Amino acid sequence: MFGPDICSKEKKKLHVILSYEGQYYPTKKDIQCETDKLTHFYTFILRPDATYSVLIDNRERETGSVYTDWDILPPPKIKDVHAKKPKDWDDREYIDDLNDVKPEGYDSIPREIPDPKAKKPADWDEEDDGIWRPAKIPNPAYRGPWKRKKIKNPNYKGKWKIPWIDNPEFEDDPDLYVLKPIKYVGIEVWQVKAGSVFDNFLICDDPQYARQVVEDIWAKNREIEKDAFEEAEKVRRAREEEDGKKKGEKKKGRDTKRRIRVLT
């Protein structure tokens, strides 16, 4: 199954579903489709090495491998769940500089100091108010608790990662890319709005020929279609604006009649 699925503003997905041994497998990637009202060409290329490409209007939108982007076969590699980080593995990128020494008197630097700009109020009475002391302000010389500087760790080996090993459950299928003979083309349509048009289906084994067909059928006419669509939109908006005016005039007339009835 291959094609766009537009449902509400949230879902704008391009489905790529492969069949294998009677089961259907959707791609694990979230491929976005086009959502405007113009014509678009969707192309799916599946190669003998099980790599693929998804093209929209002859431009590659996604690429990858059937082995990794579909859950058809078990993964060739898995993480070794029994692996453990070696005891001598040093993953500290920075370490304390043991040669760094705390400056003399560092701990005696106060966190706050009296505000040198503070002045005792003229009406301050020490008998009634007590001994005047200036307010405290943060000490710009205070640097917090002392800590050694950090330096690059010469024994740093990087962040340890669980190693990958061969998956014992993986059994390769060299014919993974092979599709059963295609006799029919089916169209699945579920919509709440009219206007969807499908045509120009092509199934072949020549990607370059498929690209050329897109150029011959779509690319040569896209500007003509775009201009025609914009012109049709102008007509539609003008018609809606005119209909809106007529409705407004009718409503205004009804409101006037109601006022006349009330006054009489």
Protein backbone atom coordinates (compact mmCIF):
# COMPACT_ATOMS: atom_id res chain seq x y z
CA MET A 1 0.00 0.00 0.00
CA PHE A 2 1.41 3.35 -0.99
CA GLY A 3 -0.18 6.78 -0.89
CA PRO A 4 -1.15 9.85 1.15
CA ASP A 5 -3.46 9.86 4.16
CA ILE A 6 -4.76 13.30 5.19
CA CYS A 7 -7.10 13.23 8.17
CA SER A 8 -7.70 16.50 10.05
CA LYS A 9 -4.90 19.01 10.59
CA GLU A 10 -2.80 16.59 12.63
CA LYS A 11 -2.52 13.57 10.32
CA LYS A 12 -0.67 14.16 7.06
CA LYS A 13 1.03 10.84 6.51
CA LEU A 14 2.36 9.05 3.46
CA HIS A 15 1.72 5.32 3.90
CA VAL A 16 4.31 2.81 2.70
CA ILE A 17 3.08 -0.66 3.67
CA LEU A 18 4.90 -3.78 2.46
CA SER A 19 3.58 -7.33 2.26
CA TYR A 20 5.76 -10.24 3.33
CA GLU A 21 4.65 -13.85 3.74
CA GLY A 22 1.00 -12.88 4.09
CA GLN A 23 1.61 -10.11 6.65
CA TYR A 24 1.49 -6.34 6.19
CA TYR A 25 4.17 -4.09 7.63
CA PRO A 26 3.96 -0.26 7.75
CA THR A 27 7.14 1.78 7.65
CA LYS A 28 8.43 2.95 11.02
CA LYS A 29 9.27 6.37 9.61
CA ASP A 30 6.85 9.29 9.69
CA ILE A 31 6.81 10.48 6.08
CA GLN A 32 4.78 13.63 5.49
CA CYS A 33 2.68 14.04 2.35
CA GLU A 34 1.61 17.20 0.51
CA THR A 35 -1.58 18.89 1.69
CA ASP A 36 -2.37 21.59 -0.86
CA LYS A 37 -5.00 21.20 -3.59
CA LEU A 38 -2.59 20.85 -6.50
CA THR A 39 -1.53 17.68 -8.32
CA HIS A 40 1.39 15.70 -6.87
CA PHE A 41 3.27 12.59 -7.96
CA TYR A 42 4.27 9.98 -5.37
CA THR A 43 6.98 7.46 -6.28
CA PHE A 44 8.25 4.45 -4.32
CA ILE A 45 11.48 2.81 -5.51
CA LEU A 46 12.51 -0.58 -4.06
CA ARG A 47 15.95 -1.86 -5.10
CA PRO A 48 17.49 -5.37 -5.16
CA ASP A 49 19.73 -4.50 -2.20
CA ALA A 50 16.57 -3.76 -0.14
CA THR A 51 17.23 -0.02 -0.08
CA TYR A 52 14.40 2.29 -1.04
CA SER A 53 13.54 5.87 -1.89
CA VAL A 54 10.30 7.81 -1.63
CA LEU A 55 9.94 10.65 -4.11
CA ILE A 56 7.32 13.38 -4.15
CA ASP A 57 7.20 15.34 -7.39
CA ASN A 58 10.50 13.69 -8.39
CA ARG A 59 12.28 14.96 -5.27
CA GLU A 60 13.56 12.47 -2.73
CA ARG A 61 11.60 12.84 0.50
CA GLU A 62 12.89 9.74 2.33
CA THR A 63 15.43 6.97 1.84
CA GLY A 64 16.73 4.01 3.82
CA SER A 65 16.66 0.22 4.03
CA VAL A 66 13.85 -2.30 4.38
CA TYR A 67 15.97 -4.04 7.02
CA THR A 68 15.88 -1.04 9.36
CA ASP A 69 12.73 0.90 8.47
CA TRP A 70 10.25 -2.00 8.60
CA ASP A 71 9.84 -4.68 11.26
CA ILE A 72 9.73 -7.46 8.67
CA LEU A 73 12.84 -9.36 9.76
CA PRO A 74 14.50 -9.34 13.18
CA PRO A 75 17.33 -6.79 13.30
CA PRO A 76 20.72 -8.12 12.12
CA LYS A 77 22.41 -6.57 15.17
CA ILE A 78 21.24 -6.30 18.77
CA LYS A 79 22.73 -4.80 21.91
CA ASP A 80 24.67 -7.21 24.10
CA VAL A 81 22.53 -7.17 27.25
CA HIS A 82 25.18 -9.15 29.12
CA ALA A 83 27.96 -6.66 28.43
CA LYS A 84 29.26 -4.63 31.36
CA LYS A 85 31.42 -1.59 31.50
CA PRO A 86 35.03 -2.58 32.30
CA LYS A 87 36.16 -1.61 35.78
CA ASP A 88 39.10 0.36 34.40
CA TRP A 89 36.90 2.32 31.96
CA ASP A 90 37.31 6.01 32.78
CA ASP A 91 34.41 8.05 31.41
CA ARG A 92 35.23 11.27 33.27
CA GLU A 93 36.00 13.85 30.63
CA TYR A 94 37.28 16.34 33.20
CA ILE A 95 38.97 15.77 36.57
CA ASP A 96 40.16 17.93 39.45
CA ASP A 97 43.56 19.56 39.03
CA LEU A 98 45.45 18.12 42.01
CA ASN A 99 48.13 20.78 41.56
CA ASP A 100 45.63 23.54 42.15
CA VAL A 101 46.05 25.00 45.68
CA LYS A 102 43.52 27.04 47.60
CA PRO A 103 44.75 30.65 48.00
CA GLU A 104 45.77 31.68 51.47
CA GLY A 105 42.97 33.45 53.32
CA TYR A 106 40.31 32.27 50.86
CA ASP A 107 38.00 30.94 53.59
CA SER A 108 38.16 34.23 55.51
CA ILE A 109 36.49 36.18 52.69
CA PRO A 110 32.98 37.05 53.96
CA ARG A 111 29.87 36.46 51.87
CA GLU A 112 28.57 39.96 52.70
CA ILE A 113 30.18 43.27 53.64
CA PRO A 114 28.85 46.55 55.03
CA ASP A 115 27.56 48.87 52.31
CA PRO A 116 30.30 51.53 51.98
CA LYS A 117 27.74 53.99 50.58
CA ALA A 118 25.36 53.63 53.50
CA LYS A 119 25.02 56.67 55.81
CA LYS A 120 23.58 56.89 59.26
CA PRO A 121 20.28 58.79 59.23
CA ALA A 122 20.50 62.26 60.70
CA ASP A 123 17.69 61.54 63.19
CA TRP A 124 19.23 58.29 64.40
CA ASP A 125 19.19 58.15 68.22
CA GLU A 126 21.49 55.45 69.58
CA GLU A 127 19.81 55.56 73.00
CA ASP A 128 16.44 54.75 71.41
CA ASP A 129 17.50 53.01 68.17
CA GLY A 130 20.63 51.22 69.31
CA ILE A 131 24.03 51.21 67.66
CA TRP A 132 23.69 52.06 63.96
CA ARG A 133 25.19 49.57 61.56
CA PRO A 134 25.26 49.92 57.76
CA ALA A 135 23.24 47.47 55.71
CA LYS A 136 24.97 44.43 54.27
CA ILE A 137 25.59 43.95 50.55
CA PRO A 138 27.03 40.98 48.59
CA ASN A 139 30.81 40.93 48.72
CA PRO A 140 32.15 41.11 45.11
CA ALA A 141 35.32 39.36 46.30
CA TYR A 142 33.40 36.34 47.57
CA ARG A 143 33.60 33.36 45.19
CA GLY A 144 31.73 30.71 47.14
CA PRO A 145 33.22 27.48 48.50
CA TRP A 146 36.62 26.82 46.99
CA LYS A 147 36.90 24.08 44.39
CA ARG A 148 39.84 22.82 42.43
CA LYS A 149 39.99 23.74 38.76
CA LYS A 150 38.97 21.11 36.24
CA ILE A 151 41.39 19.83 33.62
CA LYS A 152 41.08 17.37 30.73
CA ASN A 153 41.34 13.78 31.89
CA PRO A 154 44.28 12.16 30.07
CA ASN A 155 42.73 8.72 30.68
CA TYR A 156 39.31 9.65 29.30
CA LYS A 157 37.99 6.90 27.01
CA GLY A 158 34.67 8.45 26.09
CA LYS A 159 31.18 7.51 27.20
CA TRP A 160 30.88 3.75 27.39
CA LYS A 161 28.22 2.27 25.13
CA ILE A 162 26.71 -1.18 25.10
CA PRO A 163 28.29 -3.05 22.17
CA TRP A 164 26.26 -4.49 19.31
CA ILE A 165 26.45 -8.21 18.49
CA ASP A 166 25.01 -10.44 15.77
CA ASN A 167 21.38 -11.32 16.41
CA PRO A 168 21.08 -15.14 16.63
CA GLU A 169 17.41 -14.87 15.57
CA PHE A 170 18.22 -13.01 12.36
CA GLU A 171 18.00 -15.03 9.16
CA ASP A 172 18.59 -13.04 6.03
CA ASP A 173 16.28 -13.26 3.04
CA PRO A 174 18.05 -12.20 -0.17
CA ASP A 175 14.63 -11.96 -1.86
CA LEU A 176 13.28 -9.49 0.70
CA TYR A 177 12.81 -6.88 -2.01
CA VAL A 178 10.90 -9.22 -4.35
CA LEU A 179 7.19 -8.47 -4.77
CA LYS A 180 4.61 -10.97 -5.88
CA PRO A 181 3.34 -10.50 -9.45
CA ILE A 182 1.04 -7.48 -9.50
CA LYS A 183 -2.14 -8.08 -11.49
CA TYR A 184 -4.33 -5.27 -10.23
CA VAL A 185 -4.18 -1.74 -8.85
CA GLY A 186 -6.66 -0.95 -6.09
CA ILE A 187 -7.63 2.48 -4.76
CA GLU A 188 -8.72 2.82 -1.14
CA VAL A 189 -10.65 6.06 -0.62
CA TRP A 190 -12.12 7.24 2.67
CA GLN A 191 -13.08 10.89 2.62
CA VAL A 192 -15.54 13.42 4.01
CA LYS A 193 -14.82 16.00 1.30
CA ALA A 194 -15.24 15.60 -2.43
CA GLY A 195 -12.53 16.52 -4.89
CA SER A 196 -9.93 13.74 -4.72
CA VAL A 197 -8.68 12.66 -8.16
CA PHE A 198 -6.41 9.70 -8.92
CA ASP A 199 -4.82 8.95 -12.28
CA ASN A 200 -1.57 8.03 -14.07
CA PHE A 201 -0.58 4.87 -12.19
CA LEU A 202 2.74 3.36 -13.24
CA ILE A 203 4.37 0.12 -12.09
CA CYS A 204 7.73 -0.63 -13.68
CA ASP A 205 11.31 -1.78 -12.99
CA ASP A 206 13.07 1.29 -14.37
CA PRO A 207 13.35 4.23 -11.89
CA GLN A 208 14.75 6.54 -14.55
CA TYR A 209 11.79 5.85 -16.83
CA ALA A 210 9.42 6.57 -13.93
CA ARG A 211 11.17 9.90 -13.32
CA GLN A 212 10.84 10.79 -16.98
CA VAL A 213 7.12 10.00 -16.96
CA VAL A 214 6.67 12.43 -14.06
CA GLU A 215 8.53 15.11 -16.01
CA ASP A 216 6.47 14.49 -19.16
CA ILE A 217 3.06 14.39 -17.48
CA TRP A 218 3.32 16.60 -14.40
CA ALA A 219 6.31 18.91 -14.58
CA LYS A 220 5.36 20.40 -17.95
CA ASN A 221 1.88 21.32 -16.74
CA ARG A 222 2.47 22.32 -13.10
CA GLU A 223 2.76 26.07 -13.76
CA ILE A 224 -0.33 26.01 -15.98
CA GLU A 225 -2.24 24.14 -13.27
CA LYS A 226 -1.00 26.51 -10.57
CA ASP A 227 -2.08 29.59 -12.54
CA ALA A 228 -5.48 28.04 -13.30
CA PHE A 229 -5.96 27.11 -9.65
CA GLU A 230 -5.09 30.63 -8.43
CA GLU A 231 -7.51 32.12 -10.94
CA ALA A 232 -10.25 29.73 -9.81
CA GLU A 233 -9.55 30.69 -6.20
CA LYS A 234 -9.95 34.38 -7.06
CA VAL A 235 -13.32 33.65 -8.66
CA ARG A 236 -14.37 31.56 -5.66
CA ARG A 237 -13.40 34.25 -3.16
CA ALA A 238 -15.15 36.95 -5.19
CA ARG A 239 -18.30 34.80 -5.32
CA GLU A 240 -18.18 34.17 -1.57
CA GLU A 241 -17.67 37.88 -0.92
CA GLU A 242 -20.64 38.73 -3.15
CA ASP A 243 -22.81 36.11 -1.46
CA GLY A 244 -21.78 37.53 1.90
CA LYS A 245 -22.87 41.02 0.87
CA LYS A 246 -26.23 39.73 -0.35
CA LYS A 247 -26.82 37.89 2.90
CA GLY A 248 -25.88 41.04 4.82
CA GLU A 249 -28.31 43.14 2.82
CA LYS A 250 -31.13 40.62 3.35
CA LYS A 251 -30.43 40.55 7.10
CA LYS A 252 -30.38 44.36 7.19
CA GLY A 253 -33.74 44.46 5.39
CA ARG A 254 -35.28 42.02 7.86
CA ASP A 255 -33.96 44.04 10.81
CA THR A 256 -35.46 47.25 9.31
CA LYS A 257 -38.88 45.61 8.93
CA ARG A 258 -38.76 44.48 12.57
CA ARG A 259 -38.00 48.03 13.73
CA ILE A 260 -40.89 49.41 11.66
CA ARG A 261 -43.30 46.92 13.17
CA VAL A 262 -42.15 47.84 16.69
CA LEU A 263 -42.59 51.58 15.99
CA THR A 264 -46.10 51.17 14.51
